[in-house]
Amino acid sequence: MDYYPDPDQLLWLFVFRMVFATFCIVLNLFLLIVFIFSRSYRQSFHNWLTTMMAFADVIVGIGIFTRVFVYITGYPRTSEGYSRSVCLTIAIPQILGILWSQSVMANMANDRLKAVKNLMAYGNISFLKEATKIFIEWIIVAVAVILFAYLSLPEGRSVQCSTGSIASHPFLYAYVITGLLKGTAVLIIYYRALKLLKEKTQDARSKVVGINVHKAVFKRVKRLLFWYITFCVAPLWIVFVFLLMNLNENILAYGALFVGMTAETFSVASFFVLSWKNKEIKGIFNRILLRKSSIEPTTLPSHISYIKSSREDKPRMIIVTSFVAIFDFNNTYND
């Protein structure tokens, strides 16, 4: 059978995935550690959702590493082509991680709407119960996606091992259209919640229930929403157009590759978006870097801690001051 150049075997893509998979797993594991060891961090359901987003992104990172491992050991290609079922098994972790990440975005928008609708009763919800509902949703989605993907696999071998090449058109249509509809729903829900927040901000009585706290969370979700629409929803239109044009497997493979790369970028970027202005994350990061060092902080007008230390503490001093400077610059810029 005829072979096309497989984008999954490109060297630059291998390097890209190695770098992004490492950052994706390490950074998001840090958020999971913060959730486990910081009781104050667990006092906000938004932070629970942030942790679930981090978990989904860790799965995405594992899925990327799976592809990297296969690149190193060699793809399951025979003289007749690629086994679609084997290639799909390789792609499943990344597909599920991306879908779960989309689910968290929808729940974040819905969480903001619930919070604004009933500011007084919002804090009385059971965080564990709400998180359990999302996990059950994840399990249902995983089972449905895996069954649909495998049962709809076309017969015969594939010319490539990329998801866009091996999967059936019905599965690709379902994946793309679901992602587009979910992105649209998230936008509608979020801006409805934002409109209600602005209305209640004008009400003097709303100040007694900590309206400023909700404003801060809204700003964080708004930044994350921008990255989500840019890197997870907009690229789906490319594959959708390719499907409508009934292009061959080679073109669909490159389209799916682009969607995967942008989703991987979002998985890394989401860490920085969710970490900005989060005192618990910033404090734990500083404690990790500053442990066992003799430090005498002095407050400067820019609120950046200047560290006086011995000569051997200078490398750590540079790292800490740089990290805090980045956080404070971002806080000042966004305010």
Protein backbone atom coordinates (compact mmCIF):
# COMPACT_ATOMS: atom_id res chain seq x y z
CA MET A 1 0.00 0.00 0.00
CA ASP A 2 1.11 3.63 -0.47
CA TYR A 3 2.64 5.40 2.52
CA TYR A 4 2.54 9.07 3.38
CA PRO A 5 5.15 10.82 5.55
CA ASP A 6 3.89 10.19 9.08
CA PRO A 7 3.84 13.48 11.05
CA ASP A 8 4.10 11.51 14.30
CA GLN A 9 7.63 10.47 13.30
CA LEU A 10 8.98 13.97 12.67
CA LEU A 11 12.07 14.84 14.74
CA TRP A 12 10.96 18.38 15.61
CA LEU A 13 7.64 17.01 16.85
CA PHE A 14 9.51 14.51 19.02
CA VAL A 15 11.50 17.36 20.62
CA PHE A 16 8.34 19.46 21.07
CA ARG A 17 6.55 16.60 22.80
CA MET A 18 9.49 15.77 25.04
CA VAL A 19 9.68 19.36 26.31
CA PHE A 20 5.94 19.92 26.67
CA ALA A 21 5.25 16.52 28.22
CA THR A 22 7.90 17.15 30.88
CA PHE A 23 6.56 20.60 31.74
CA CYS A 24 2.96 19.40 31.57
CA ILE A 25 3.50 16.58 34.08
CA VAL A 26 5.90 18.33 36.48
CA LEU A 27 4.00 21.63 36.73
CA ASN A 28 0.57 20.06 37.11
CA LEU A 29 1.85 17.49 39.62
CA PHE A 30 2.96 20.49 41.67
CA LEU A 31 -0.66 21.70 41.74
CA LEU A 32 -1.77 18.26 42.91
CA ILE A 33 0.82 18.38 45.72
CA VAL A 34 -0.41 21.83 46.76
CA PHE A 35 -3.98 20.49 46.95
CA ILE A 36 -2.93 17.49 49.06
CA PHE A 37 -0.78 19.34 51.59
CA SER A 38 -2.49 22.76 51.86
CA ARG A 39 -5.70 22.78 53.88
CA SER A 40 -6.37 26.46 53.12
CA TYR A 41 -6.08 25.74 49.39
CA ARG A 42 -8.87 23.17 49.70
CA GLN A 43 -11.27 25.73 51.19
CA SER A 44 -12.30 26.94 47.72
CA PHE A 45 -14.20 24.77 45.24
CA HIS A 46 -12.54 26.72 42.43
CA ASN A 47 -9.24 25.29 43.69
CA TRP A 48 -10.78 21.80 43.60
CA LEU A 49 -11.65 22.39 39.95
CA THR A 50 -8.14 23.72 39.36
CA THR A 51 -6.75 20.48 40.80
CA MET A 52 -9.02 18.39 38.59
CA MET A 53 -7.81 20.41 35.60
CA ALA A 54 -4.24 19.66 36.68
CA PHE A 55 -5.03 15.95 36.93
CA ALA A 56 -6.51 15.94 33.42
CA ASP A 57 -3.43 17.76 32.12
CA VAL A 58 -1.17 15.17 33.78
CA ILE A 59 -3.06 12.51 31.80
CA VAL A 60 -2.45 14.58 28.66
CA GLY A 61 1.25 14.65 29.52
CA ILE A 62 1.29 10.88 30.01
CA GLY A 63 -0.41 10.52 26.63
CA ILE A 64 2.29 12.67 25.02
CA PHE A 65 5.02 10.58 26.65
CA THR A 66 3.32 7.46 25.29
CA ARG A 67 3.74 8.82 21.79
CA VAL A 68 7.34 9.78 22.56
CA PHE A 69 8.06 6.25 23.81
CA VAL A 70 6.54 4.76 20.68
CA TYR A 71 8.64 7.13 18.57
CA ILE A 72 11.79 5.85 20.28
CA THR A 73 10.90 2.15 20.16
CA GLY A 74 9.34 2.24 16.71
CA TYR A 75 5.75 2.48 15.49
CA PRO A 76 3.74 -0.72 14.98
CA ARG A 77 3.96 -0.58 11.21
CA THR A 78 3.88 -3.73 9.11
CA SER A 79 4.32 -4.24 5.40
CA GLU A 80 0.55 -3.78 5.08
CA GLY A 81 0.38 -0.54 7.08
CA TYR A 82 -0.45 0.51 10.63
CA SER A 83 -2.79 -1.38 12.93
CA ARG A 84 -5.64 1.04 13.66
CA SER A 85 -6.48 -0.56 17.02
CA VAL A 86 -2.88 -0.34 18.26
CA CYS A 87 -2.54 3.28 17.15
CA LEU A 88 -5.85 4.13 18.82
CA THR A 89 -4.66 2.55 22.08
CA ILE A 90 -1.62 4.84 21.94
CA ALA A 91 -3.86 7.89 21.42
CA ILE A 92 -6.52 7.14 24.08
CA PRO A 93 -4.75 8.75 27.13
CA GLN A 94 -4.27 12.03 25.29
CA ILE A 95 -7.83 12.02 23.92
CA LEU A 96 -9.33 11.38 27.38
CA GLY A 97 -7.10 13.99 29.04
CA ILE A 98 -8.23 16.65 26.57
CA LEU A 99 -11.91 15.70 26.97
CA TRP A 100 -11.63 15.77 30.77
CA SER A 101 -9.93 19.16 30.60
CA GLN A 102 -12.85 20.45 28.51
CA SER A 103 -15.23 19.05 31.13
CA VAL A 104 -13.48 21.01 33.89
CA MET A 105 -13.76 24.22 31.84
CA ALA A 106 -17.51 23.69 31.56
CA ASN A 107 -17.77 23.04 35.30
CA MET A 108 -15.70 26.15 36.08
CA ALA A 109 -18.11 28.31 34.09
CA ASN A 110 -21.11 26.62 35.71
CA ASP A 111 -19.50 27.05 39.14
CA ARG A 112 -19.20 30.80 38.57
CA LEU A 113 -22.86 30.97 37.54
CA LYS A 114 -23.95 29.10 40.69
CA ALA A 115 -21.79 31.34 42.86
CA VAL A 116 -23.26 34.55 41.47
CA LYS A 117 -26.86 33.32 41.54
CA ASN A 118 -26.70 32.57 45.26
CA LEU A 119 -23.78 34.33 46.91
CA MET A 120 -24.98 33.62 50.44
CA ALA A 121 -25.48 29.84 50.06
CA TYR A 122 -22.58 29.13 47.70
CA GLY A 123 -20.12 28.32 50.48
CA ASN A 124 -22.43 25.64 51.90
CA ILE A 125 -22.00 23.19 49.01
CA SER A 126 -20.22 19.89 49.58
CA PHE A 127 -16.95 20.10 47.66
CA LEU A 128 -16.39 16.35 47.79
CA LYS A 129 -19.90 15.63 46.52
CA GLU A 130 -19.53 18.04 43.60
CA ALA A 131 -16.10 16.65 42.71
CA THR A 132 -17.47 13.10 42.83
CA LYS A 133 -20.16 14.06 40.31
CA ILE A 134 -17.47 15.30 37.94
CA PHE A 135 -15.42 12.12 38.35
CA ILE A 136 -18.50 10.02 37.56
CA GLU A 137 -19.02 12.17 34.46
CA TRP A 138 -15.39 11.51 33.49
CA ILE A 139 -15.85 7.74 33.82
CA ILE A 140 -19.00 7.83 31.68
CA VAL A 141 -17.24 9.95 29.04
CA ALA A 142 -14.21 7.64 29.04
CA VAL A 143 -16.30 4.49 28.57
CA ALA A 144 -18.44 6.08 25.84
CA VAL A 145 -15.44 7.47 23.94
CA ILE A 146 -13.43 4.24 24.11
CA LEU A 147 -16.37 2.10 22.98
CA PHE A 148 -17.33 4.48 20.17
CA ALA A 149 -13.73 4.85 18.99
CA TYR A 150 -13.01 1.12 18.83
CA LEU A 151 -16.39 0.01 17.48
CA SER A 152 -16.30 2.59 14.69
CA LEU A 153 -12.74 1.85 13.53
CA PRO A 154 -12.60 1.36 9.75
CA GLU A 155 -11.47 -1.99 8.45
CA GLY A 156 -8.00 -2.55 7.11
CA ARG A 157 -4.70 -0.89 7.85
CA SER A 158 -3.96 2.83 8.04
CA VAL A 159 -1.35 4.74 6.05
CA GLN A 160 -0.38 6.64 9.22
CA CYS A 161 -0.61 6.24 13.00
CA SER A 162 -1.99 9.74 13.69
CA THR A 163 -5.43 9.99 15.27
CA GLY A 164 -6.88 11.88 12.32
CA SER A 165 -5.79 9.07 10.01
CA ILE A 166 -6.83 5.99 11.99
CA ALA A 167 -10.20 7.09 13.44
CA SER A 168 -13.47 6.85 11.57
CA HIS A 169 -15.16 9.96 10.20
CA PRO A 170 -18.19 9.54 12.52
CA PHE A 171 -15.84 9.52 15.54
CA LEU A 172 -13.94 12.58 14.28
CA TYR A 173 -17.21 14.41 13.58
CA ALA A 174 -18.49 13.58 17.08
CA TYR A 175 -15.21 14.67 18.71
CA VAL A 176 -15.00 17.96 16.80
CA ILE A 177 -18.69 18.94 17.00
CA THR A 178 -18.84 18.07 20.73
CA GLY A 179 -15.78 20.23 21.37
CA LEU A 180 -17.23 23.16 19.42
CA LEU A 181 -20.62 22.92 21.16
CA LYS A 182 -18.98 22.64 24.57
CA GLY A 183 -16.79 25.68 23.88
CA THR A 184 -19.84 27.69 22.81
CA ALA A 185 -21.78 26.60 25.91
CA VAL A 186 -18.87 27.55 28.18
CA LEU A 187 -18.75 31.04 26.65
CA ILE A 188 -22.50 31.54 27.05
CA ILE A 189 -22.57 30.32 30.66
CA TYR A 190 -19.53 32.34 31.68
CA TYR A 191 -20.70 35.63 30.20
CA ARG A 192 -24.15 35.11 31.67
CA ALA A 193 -22.50 34.71 35.06
CA LEU A 194 -20.31 37.76 34.40
CA LYS A 195 -23.38 39.83 33.56
CA LEU A 196 -25.05 38.80 36.82
CA LEU A 197 -21.89 39.64 38.74
CA LYS A 198 -21.80 43.15 37.29
CA GLU A 199 -25.45 43.65 38.22
CA LYS A 200 -24.86 42.51 41.79
CA THR A 201 -21.72 44.62 42.08
CA GLN A 202 -23.91 47.69 41.68
CA ASP A 203 -26.01 46.49 44.62
CA ALA A 204 -24.56 47.79 47.88
CA ARG A 205 -25.86 44.78 49.79
CA SER A 206 -23.67 42.41 47.77
CA LYS A 207 -20.53 43.82 49.39
CA VAL A 208 -21.26 42.00 52.62
CA VAL A 209 -20.82 38.59 51.01
CA GLY A 210 -17.31 39.11 49.68
CA ILE A 211 -18.04 40.23 46.15
CA ASN A 212 -14.37 41.11 45.64
CA VAL A 213 -13.37 37.48 46.16
CA HIS A 214 -15.72 36.44 43.38
CA LYS A 215 -14.32 39.16 41.14
CA ALA A 216 -10.80 37.80 41.60
CA VAL A 217 -11.89 34.26 40.69
CA PHE A 218 -13.78 35.59 37.67
CA LYS A 219 -10.65 37.32 36.38
CA ARG A 220 -8.67 34.09 36.69
CA VAL A 221 -11.34 32.05 34.90
CA LYS A 222 -11.63 34.72 32.21
CA ARG A 223 -7.90 34.48 31.43
CA LEU A 224 -8.14 30.69 31.33
CA LEU A 225 -11.19 30.91 29.09
CA PHE A 226 -9.25 33.00 26.58
CA TRP A 227 -6.53 30.35 26.37
CA TYR A 228 -9.14 27.59 26.17
CA ILE A 229 -11.01 29.16 23.25
CA THR A 230 -7.76 30.04 21.44
CA PHE A 231 -5.94 26.72 21.85
CA CYS A 232 -8.71 24.12 22.29
CA VAL A 233 -11.82 25.33 20.48
CA ALA A 234 -10.63 27.45 17.54
CA PRO A 235 -8.30 24.72 16.12
CA LEU A 236 -11.25 22.31 15.97
CA TRP A 237 -12.69 24.42 13.15
CA ILE A 238 -9.72 23.43 11.00
CA VAL A 239 -10.43 19.71 11.35
CA PHE A 240 -14.15 20.38 10.92
CA VAL A 241 -13.50 22.10 7.57
CA PHE A 242 -11.18 19.26 6.53
CA LEU A 243 -13.94 16.75 7.31
CA LEU A 244 -16.52 18.71 5.32
CA MET A 245 -14.12 18.80 2.37
CA ASN A 246 -13.76 15.00 2.64
CA LEU A 247 -9.97 15.22 2.49
CA ASN A 248 -7.75 12.13 2.59
CA GLU A 249 -6.23 10.56 5.70
CA ASN A 250 -2.93 12.36 5.21
CA ILE A 251 -4.50 15.83 5.49
CA LEU A 252 -6.72 14.77 8.40
CA ALA A 253 -3.63 13.46 10.19
CA TYR A 254 -1.96 16.87 10.01
CA GLY A 255 -5.16 18.58 11.13
CA ALA A 256 -5.47 16.29 14.14
CA LEU A 257 -1.78 16.82 14.86
CA PHE A 258 -2.31 20.59 14.98
CA VAL A 259 -5.27 20.18 17.35
CA GLY A 260 -3.18 17.93 19.58
CA MET A 261 -0.27 20.39 19.68
CA THR A 262 -2.50 23.33 20.62
CA ALA A 263 -4.20 21.24 23.32
CA GLU A 264 -0.76 20.29 24.69
CA THR A 265 0.16 23.99 24.76
CA PHE A 266 -3.02 24.75 26.73
CA SER A 267 -2.18 22.00 29.24
CA VAL A 268 1.07 23.79 30.07
CA ALA A 269 -0.29 27.34 29.85
CA SER A 270 -3.20 26.52 32.18
CA PHE A 271 -0.73 26.00 35.05
CA PHE A 272 0.57 29.57 34.79
CA VAL A 273 -2.91 31.04 34.30
CA LEU A 274 -4.31 29.23 37.35
CA SER A 275 -1.24 29.95 39.49
CA TRP A 276 -1.14 33.73 39.08
CA LYS A 277 -2.36 35.60 42.15
CA ASN A 278 -2.85 32.39 44.11
CA LYS A 279 -1.29 32.97 47.51
CA GLU A 280 -1.23 29.31 48.52
CA ILE A 281 0.64 28.21 45.39
CA LYS A 282 3.03 31.13 45.58
CA GLY A 283 3.66 30.58 49.29
CA ILE A 284 4.33 26.84 48.97
CA PHE A 285 6.65 27.40 46.01
CA ASN A 286 8.62 29.95 48.01
CA ARG A 287 8.82 27.66 51.04
CA ILE A 288 10.20 24.85 48.87
CA LEU A 289 12.92 27.08 47.46
CA LEU A 290 13.73 28.91 50.69
CA ARG A 291 13.98 25.92 53.04
CA LYS A 292 17.20 25.59 55.02
CA SER A 293 18.57 28.92 53.80
CA SER A 294 19.48 31.86 55.95
CA ILE A 295 17.33 34.65 54.55
CA GLU A 296 16.67 38.16 55.75
CA PRO A 297 13.88 39.61 53.59
CA THR A 298 13.45 43.33 53.22
CA THR A 299 10.36 44.86 51.65
CA LEU A 300 11.03 47.09 48.65
CA PRO A 301 8.57 49.56 47.10
CA SER A 302 7.91 47.04 44.32
CA HIS A 303 6.98 44.40 46.94
CA ILE A 304 9.71 42.11 45.68
CA SER A 305 11.62 40.45 48.51
CA TYR A 306 15.31 41.21 48.33
CA ILE A 307 17.34 38.37 49.83
CA LYS A 308 20.59 38.97 51.66
CA SER A 309 22.52 35.77 51.94
CA SER A 310 25.97 34.29 51.89
CA ARG A 311 27.80 33.65 48.64
CA GLU A 312 26.67 30.01 48.49
CA ASP A 313 22.99 31.08 48.70
CA LYS A 314 23.16 33.32 45.63
CA PRO A 315 21.85 30.78 43.06
CA ARG A 316 18.78 30.13 45.19
CA MET A 317 18.41 33.87 45.81
CA ILE A 318 18.34 34.55 42.07
CA ILE A 319 15.74 31.83 41.43
CA VAL A 320 13.43 32.99 44.23
CA THR A 321 13.63 36.71 43.47
CA SER A 322 13.07 36.06 39.76
CA PHE A 323 10.01 33.88 40.43
CA VAL A 324 8.48 36.37 42.87
CA ALA A 325 9.23 39.24 40.49
CA ILE A 326 7.36 37.50 37.68
CA PHE A 327 4.34 36.90 39.93
CA ASP A 328 4.30 40.48 41.23
CA PHE A 329 4.74 41.96 37.75
CA ASN A 330 1.80 39.88 36.51
CA ASN A 331 -0.33 40.92 39.50
CA THR A 332 0.44 44.60 38.92
CA TYR A 333 -0.18 44.32 35.18
CA ASN A 334 -3.54 42.55 35.57
CA ASP A 335 -4.77 44.89 38.29
